[in-house]
Amino acid sequence: MIAIASDHGGFHYKEKVKALLLQMKLECKDFGTHSPEPVDYPDFAHAASEAVSSGLCDQGIFICGSGIGVSIVANKHKGVRAAACESVTAAELSRKHNNANVLCFGERLVGWGVAEEMITVFLNTNFEAGRHTRRVEKIHSLTGR
């Protein structure tokens, strides 16, 4: 199950993400927002991040205007490793090297074609483990989250 969330700045892409995941035959849970009316991104990013942190959802895709705000919120949650990406390469490396479990991006910064490719790569790329495991383990052991 994939948690999806956005604020008003990412609402239109969130709706496209739902359609893409349906095409990919992947289940998702939509944590909002449910319209393009102005809202506060932490409200939705916190709810979706808690779903990833608790294990209700395996991964997340969060969108706001820049992708930065939702990634900051997401990374406050235990076990969440959110990556704000603007390229397919960044999305791929966030999985391979950082074992990111939440992809964040900005509707105002990333064209839909790139966003779609980032999502596909993110969801189909595995963590390389090996030397990266030690580094990823340090993320949570040093912060307690």
C-alpha atoms as a PDB file:
ATOM      1  CA  MET A   1       0.000   0.000   0.000  1.00  0.00           C
ATOM      2  CA  ILE A   2       1.324   3.415  -0.978  1.00  0.00           C
ATOM      3  CA  ALA A   3       0.429   6.533   1.006  1.00  0.00           C
ATOM      4  CA  ILE A   4      -0.191   9.588  -1.146  1.00  0.00           C
ATOM      5  CA  ALA A   5      -0.591  13.144   0.072  1.00  0.00           C
ATOM      6  CA  SER A   6      -0.439  16.693  -1.176  1.00  0.00           C
ATOM      7  CA  ASP A   7      -1.326  20.224  -0.370  1.00  0.00           C
ATOM      8  CA  HIS A   8      -3.099  22.522  -2.836  1.00  0.00           C
ATOM      9  CA  GLY A   9       0.186  23.088  -4.682  1.00  0.00           C
ATOM     10  CA  GLY A  10       0.421  19.383  -5.496  1.00  0.00           C
ATOM     11  CA  PHE A  11      -3.253  18.468  -5.742  1.00  0.00           C
ATOM     12  CA  HIS A  12      -3.434  18.068  -9.523  1.00  0.00           C
ATOM     13  CA  TYR A  13      -0.377  15.797  -9.609  1.00  0.00           C
ATOM     14  CA  LYS A  14      -1.706  13.764  -6.676  1.00  0.00           C
ATOM     15  CA  GLU A  15      -4.783  12.985  -8.714  1.00  0.00           C
ATOM     16  CA  LYS A  16      -2.557  11.921 -11.622  1.00  0.00           C
ATOM     17  CA  VAL A  17      -0.471   9.775  -9.251  1.00  0.00           C
ATOM     18  CA  LYS A  18      -3.628   7.924  -8.181  1.00  0.00           C
ATOM     19  CA  ALA A  19      -4.453   7.162 -11.821  1.00  0.00           C
ATOM     20  CA  LEU A  20      -0.879   6.048 -12.517  1.00  0.00           C
ATOM     21  CA  LEU A  21      -0.847   3.714  -9.518  1.00  0.00           C
ATOM     22  CA  LEU A  22      -4.164   2.253 -10.632  1.00  0.00           C
ATOM     23  CA  GLN A  23      -2.652   1.572 -14.075  1.00  0.00           C
ATOM     24  CA  MET A  24       0.299  -0.092 -12.333  1.00  0.00           C
ATOM     25  CA  LYS A  25      -2.175  -2.201 -10.314  1.00  0.00           C
ATOM     26  CA  LEU A  26      -0.840  -0.786  -7.040  1.00  0.00           C
ATOM     27  CA  GLU A  27      -3.045   0.097  -4.083  1.00  0.00           C
ATOM     28  CA  CYS A  28      -2.855   3.512  -2.496  1.00  0.00           C
ATOM     29  CA  LYS A  29      -4.406   5.395   0.385  1.00  0.00           C
ATOM     30  CA  ASP A  30      -5.117   9.063  -0.268  1.00  0.00           C
ATOM     31  CA  PHE A  31      -4.477  11.265   2.770  1.00  0.00           C
ATOM     32  CA  GLY A  32      -5.588  14.434   0.980  1.00  0.00           C
ATOM     33  CA  THR A  33      -5.963  17.191   0.243  1.00  0.00           C
ATOM     34  CA  HIS A  34      -9.101  16.620  -1.784  1.00  0.00           C
ATOM     35  CA  SER A  35      -9.366  19.945  -3.628  1.00  0.00           C
ATOM     36  CA  PRO A  36      -7.136  22.736  -4.936  1.00  0.00           C
ATOM     37  CA  GLU A  37      -8.286  25.070  -2.125  1.00  0.00           C
ATOM     38  CA  PRO A  38      -5.394  26.448  -0.014  1.00  0.00           C
ATOM     39  CA  VAL A  39      -4.429  24.199   2.927  1.00  0.00           C
ATOM     40  CA  ASP A  40      -1.413  23.604   5.174  1.00  0.00           C
ATOM     41  CA  TYR A  41       0.899  20.865   3.856  1.00  0.00           C
ATOM     42  CA  PRO A  42       1.933  19.575   7.325  1.00  0.00           C
ATOM     43  CA  ASP A  43      -1.613  18.386   8.032  1.00  0.00           C
ATOM     44  CA  PHE A  44      -1.547  15.942   5.131  1.00  0.00           C
ATOM     45  CA  ALA A  45       2.143  15.044   5.188  1.00  0.00           C
ATOM     46  CA  HIS A  46       1.974  14.167   8.912  1.00  0.00           C
ATOM     47  CA  ALA A  47      -1.014  11.850   8.416  1.00  0.00           C
ATOM     48  CA  ALA A  48       0.555  10.064   5.440  1.00  0.00           C
ATOM     49  CA  SER A  49       3.955   9.842   7.146  1.00  0.00           C
ATOM     50  CA  GLU A  50       2.395   8.241  10.205  1.00  0.00           C
ATOM     51  CA  ALA A  51       0.902   5.591   7.926  1.00  0.00           C
ATOM     52  CA  VAL A  52       4.384   4.794   6.579  1.00  0.00           C
ATOM     53  CA  SER A  53       5.959   4.943  10.044  1.00  0.00           C
ATOM     54  CA  SER A  54       3.370   2.576  11.530  1.00  0.00           C
ATOM     55  CA  GLY A  55       3.589   0.089   8.660  1.00  0.00           C
ATOM     56  CA  LEU A  56       0.046   0.703   7.424  1.00  0.00           C
ATOM     57  CA  CYS A  57       1.674   1.774   4.149  1.00  0.00           C
ATOM     58  CA  ASP A  58       4.946   0.465   2.737  1.00  0.00           C
ATOM     59  CA  GLN A  59       5.928   3.594   0.816  1.00  0.00           C
ATOM     60  CA  GLY A  60       4.698   7.099   0.140  1.00  0.00           C
ATOM     61  CA  ILE A  61       4.482   9.682  -2.617  1.00  0.00           C
ATOM     62  CA  PHE A  62       4.009  13.243  -1.344  1.00  0.00           C
ATOM     63  CA  ILE A  63       3.609  16.339  -3.500  1.00  0.00           C
ATOM     64  CA  CYS A  64       3.530  20.037  -2.711  1.00  0.00           C
ATOM     65  CA  GLY A  65       4.620  23.093  -4.665  1.00  0.00           C
ATOM     66  CA  SER A  66       8.331  22.341  -4.260  1.00  0.00           C
ATOM     67  CA  GLY A  67       8.455  18.915  -2.590  1.00  0.00           C
ATOM     68  CA  ILE A  68      10.598  20.388   0.157  1.00  0.00           C
ATOM     69  CA  GLY A  69       7.938  21.123   2.773  1.00  0.00           C
ATOM     70  CA  VAL A  70       6.379  17.668   2.652  1.00  0.00           C
ATOM     71  CA  SER A  71       9.820  16.032   2.804  1.00  0.00           C
ATOM     72  CA  ILE A  72      10.767  18.008   5.917  1.00  0.00           C
ATOM     73  CA  VAL A  73       7.547  16.929   7.620  1.00  0.00           C
ATOM     74  CA  ALA A  74       7.929  13.304   6.535  1.00  0.00           C
ATOM     75  CA  ASN A  75      11.458  13.033   7.893  1.00  0.00           C
ATOM     76  CA  LYS A  76      10.226  13.944  11.381  1.00  0.00           C
ATOM     77  CA  HIS A  77       8.562  10.507  11.608  1.00  0.00           C
ATOM     78  CA  LYS A  78      10.264   7.395  12.923  1.00  0.00           C
ATOM     79  CA  GLY A  79      11.448   5.082  10.173  1.00  0.00           C
ATOM     80  CA  VAL A  80      10.584   7.458   7.343  1.00  0.00           C
ATOM     81  CA  ARG A  81      13.307   8.295   4.856  1.00  0.00           C
ATOM     82  CA  ALA A  82      11.834  10.874   2.500  1.00  0.00           C
ATOM     83  CA  ALA A  83      13.725  12.174  -0.510  1.00  0.00           C
ATOM     84  CA  ALA A  84      12.814  15.405  -2.272  1.00  0.00           C
ATOM     85  CA  CYS A  85      13.675  14.692  -5.902  1.00  0.00           C
ATOM     86  CA  GLU A  86      13.685  16.698  -9.116  1.00  0.00           C
ATOM     87  CA  SER A  87      15.232  14.083 -11.417  1.00  0.00           C
ATOM     88  CA  VAL A  88      14.859  10.430 -12.269  1.00  0.00           C
ATOM     89  CA  THR A  89      18.466   9.841 -11.246  1.00  0.00           C
ATOM     90  CA  ALA A  90      17.840  11.313  -7.797  1.00  0.00           C
ATOM     91  CA  ALA A  91      14.743   9.131  -7.346  1.00  0.00           C
ATOM     92  CA  GLU A  92      16.694   6.036  -8.372  1.00  0.00           C
ATOM     93  CA  LEU A  93      19.658   6.779  -6.106  1.00  0.00           C
ATOM     94  CA  SER A  94      17.363   7.594  -3.184  1.00  0.00           C
ATOM     95  CA  ARG A  95      16.178   3.985  -3.345  1.00  0.00           C
ATOM     96  CA  LYS A  96      19.508   2.315  -4.192  1.00  0.00           C
ATOM     97  CA  HIS A  97      21.702   4.154  -1.704  1.00  0.00           C
ATOM     98  CA  ASN A  98      19.378   5.608   0.950  1.00  0.00           C
ATOM     99  CA  ASN A  99      16.537   3.066   1.005  1.00  0.00           C
ATOM    100  CA  ALA A 100      14.112   5.999   0.796  1.00  0.00           C
ATOM    101  CA  ASN A 101      10.539   4.949   1.435  1.00  0.00           C
ATOM    102  CA  VAL A 102       8.859   8.246   0.545  1.00  0.00           C
ATOM    103  CA  LEU A 103       9.286  10.100  -2.737  1.00  0.00           C
ATOM    104  CA  CYS A 104       8.583  13.834  -2.567  1.00  0.00           C
ATOM    105  CA  PHE A 105       8.482  16.279  -5.443  1.00  0.00           C
ATOM    106  CA  GLY A 106       7.071  19.629  -6.435  1.00  0.00           C
ATOM    107  CA  GLU A 107       4.324  20.190  -8.946  1.00  0.00           C
ATOM    108  CA  ARG A 108       5.768  23.645  -9.607  1.00  0.00           C
ATOM    109  CA  LEU A 109       9.280  22.302 -10.272  1.00  0.00           C
ATOM    110  CA  VAL A 110       8.890  18.967 -12.066  1.00  0.00           C
ATOM    111  CA  GLY A 111       7.077  18.365 -15.338  1.00  0.00           C
ATOM    112  CA  TRP A 112       4.536  15.547 -15.290  1.00  0.00           C
ATOM    113  CA  GLY A 113       6.569  13.349 -17.662  1.00  0.00           C
ATOM    114  CA  VAL A 114       9.572  13.475 -15.335  1.00  0.00           C
ATOM    115  CA  ALA A 115       7.338  12.972 -12.287  1.00  0.00           C
ATOM    116  CA  GLU A 116       5.785   9.886 -13.856  1.00  0.00           C
ATOM    117  CA  GLU A 117       9.208   8.452 -14.660  1.00  0.00           C
ATOM    118  CA  MET A 118      10.487   9.246 -11.146  1.00  0.00           C
ATOM    119  CA  ILE A 119       7.535   7.402  -9.622  1.00  0.00           C
ATOM    120  CA  THR A 120       8.026   4.377 -11.851  1.00  0.00           C
ATOM    121  CA  VAL A 121      11.754   4.204 -11.129  1.00  0.00           C
ATOM    122  CA  PHE A 122      11.281   4.815  -7.398  1.00  0.00           C
ATOM    123  CA  LEU A 123       8.711   2.027  -7.080  1.00  0.00           C
ATOM    124  CA  ASN A 124      10.730  -0.442  -9.176  1.00  0.00           C
ATOM    125  CA  THR A 125      14.198   0.132  -7.732  1.00  0.00           C
ATOM    126  CA  ASN A 126      15.525  -1.945  -4.851  1.00  0.00           C
ATOM    127  CA  PHE A 127      17.876  -0.922  -2.077  1.00  0.00           C
ATOM    128  CA  GLU A 128      21.408  -2.089  -2.940  1.00  0.00           C
ATOM    129  CA  ALA A 129      22.206  -2.821   0.740  1.00  0.00           C
ATOM    130  CA  GLY A 130      25.881  -3.753   1.185  1.00  0.00           C
ATOM    131  CA  ARG A 131      27.938  -0.745   2.201  1.00  0.00           C
ATOM    132  CA  HIS A 132      24.799   1.414   2.201  1.00  0.00           C
ATOM    133  CA  THR A 133      23.135  -0.581   4.985  1.00  0.00           C
ATOM    134  CA  ARG A 134      25.511   0.709   7.655  1.00  0.00           C
ATOM    135  CA  ARG A 135      24.885   4.284   6.569  1.00  0.00           C
ATOM    136  CA  VAL A 136      21.106   3.962   6.488  1.00  0.00           C
ATOM    137  CA  GLU A 137      21.088   2.338   9.930  1.00  0.00           C
ATOM    138  CA  LYS A 138      22.958   5.359  11.291  1.00  0.00           C
ATOM    139  CA  ILE A 139      20.180   7.704  10.155  1.00  0.00           C
ATOM    140  CA  HIS A 140      17.736   6.391  12.718  1.00  0.00           C
ATOM    141  CA  SER A 141      20.185   5.285  15.410  1.00  0.00           C
ATOM    142  CA  LEU A 142      21.688   8.758  15.791  1.00  0.00           C
ATOM    143  CA  THR A 143      18.355  10.593  15.895  1.00  0.00           C
ATOM    144  CA  GLY A 144      16.261   8.060  17.771  1.00  0.00           C
ATOM    145  CA  ARG A 145      13.671   8.328  15.001  1.00  0.00           C
END
